[in-house]
């Protein structure tokens, strides 16, 4: 992330910090589930 995003505000921690979190398959699954819910939500409901 730091290499691709030159002004990243993410902290670099010795134990990995956000890198461990981003590598956790549970995070990927949760994001995909959220995107699926948003995708199936009518746009009028999102505007409220």
C-alpha atoms as a PDB file:
ATOM      1  CA  UNK A   1       0.000   0.000   0.000  1.00  0.00           C
ATOM      2  CA  UNK A   2       2.737   2.455   0.925  1.00  0.00           C
ATOM      3  CA  UNK A   3       4.492   1.889  -2.405  1.00  0.00           C
ATOM      4  CA  UNK A   4       1.318   2.319  -4.483  1.00  0.00           C
ATOM      5  CA  UNK A   5      -0.138   5.184  -2.444  1.00  0.00           C
ATOM      6  CA  UNK A   6       2.635   7.740  -2.092  1.00  0.00           C
ATOM      7  CA  UNK A   7       0.927   9.849   0.592  1.00  0.00           C
ATOM      8  CA  UNK A   8      -0.508   6.952   2.597  1.00  0.00           C
ATOM      9  CA  UNK A   9      -1.383   7.921   6.145  1.00  0.00           C
ATOM     10  CA  UNK A  10      -1.307   4.306   7.345  1.00  0.00           C
ATOM     11  CA  UNK A  11       1.189   3.634  10.087  1.00  0.00           C
ATOM     12  CA  UNK A  12       4.083   1.259   9.594  1.00  0.00           C
ATOM     13  CA  UNK A  13       4.190  -0.931  12.674  1.00  0.00           C
ATOM     14  CA  UNK A  14       6.885  -3.460  13.522  1.00  0.00           C
ATOM     15  CA  UNK A  15       4.367  -6.305  13.921  1.00  0.00           C
ATOM     16  CA  UNK A  16       2.652  -5.536  10.609  1.00  0.00           C
ATOM     17  CA  UNK A  17      -0.308  -3.564  11.935  1.00  0.00           C
ATOM     18  CA  UNK A  18      -2.683  -2.828   9.060  1.00  0.00           C
ATOM     19  CA  UNK A  19      -0.863  -5.291   6.802  1.00  0.00           C
ATOM     20  CA  UNK A  20      -2.028  -8.151   9.014  1.00  0.00           C
ATOM     21  CA  UNK A  21      -5.563  -6.770   9.010  1.00  0.00           C
ATOM     22  CA  UNK A  22      -5.633  -6.300   5.234  1.00  0.00           C
ATOM     23  CA  UNK A  23      -4.356  -9.843   4.740  1.00  0.00           C
ATOM     24  CA  UNK A  24      -7.087 -11.329   6.952  1.00  0.00           C
ATOM     25  CA  UNK A  25      -9.552 -13.264   4.771  1.00  0.00           C
ATOM     26  CA  UNK A  26     -12.371 -12.195   7.108  1.00  0.00           C
ATOM     27  CA  UNK A  27     -11.864  -8.574   6.043  1.00  0.00           C
ATOM     28  CA  UNK A  28     -12.079  -9.486   2.364  1.00  0.00           C
ATOM     29  CA  UNK A  29     -15.226 -11.535   2.985  1.00  0.00           C
ATOM     30  CA  UNK A  30     -16.840  -8.705   4.973  1.00  0.00           C
ATOM     31  CA  UNK A  31     -16.049  -6.134   2.265  1.00  0.00           C
ATOM     32  CA  UNK A  32     -17.430  -8.401  -0.462  1.00  0.00           C
ATOM     33  CA  UNK A  33     -20.581  -8.978   1.579  1.00  0.00           C
ATOM     34  CA  UNK A  34     -21.019  -5.236   2.132  1.00  0.00           C
ATOM     35  CA  UNK A  35     -20.525  -4.515  -1.563  1.00  0.00           C
ATOM     36  CA  UNK A  36     -23.081  -7.188  -2.404  1.00  0.00           C
ATOM     37  CA  UNK A  37     -25.601  -5.595  -0.050  1.00  0.00           C
ATOM     38  CA  UNK A  38     -25.021  -2.127  -1.498  1.00  0.00           C
ATOM     39  CA  UNK A  39     -25.276  -3.499  -5.025  1.00  0.00           C
ATOM     40  CA  UNK A  40     -28.703  -4.972  -4.277  1.00  0.00           C
ATOM     41  CA  UNK A  41     -30.007  -1.914  -2.418  1.00  0.00           C
ATOM     42  CA  UNK A  42     -32.198   0.428  -4.500  1.00  0.00           C
ATOM     43  CA  UNK A  43     -30.416   3.726  -5.149  1.00  0.00           C
ATOM     44  CA  UNK A  44     -33.327   5.654  -3.603  1.00  0.00           C
ATOM     45  CA  UNK A  45     -32.680   3.895  -0.276  1.00  0.00           C
ATOM     46  CA  UNK A  46     -28.996   4.850  -0.377  1.00  0.00           C
ATOM     47  CA  UNK A  47     -29.816   8.550  -0.819  1.00  0.00           C
ATOM     48  CA  UNK A  48     -31.785   8.774   2.430  1.00  0.00           C
END
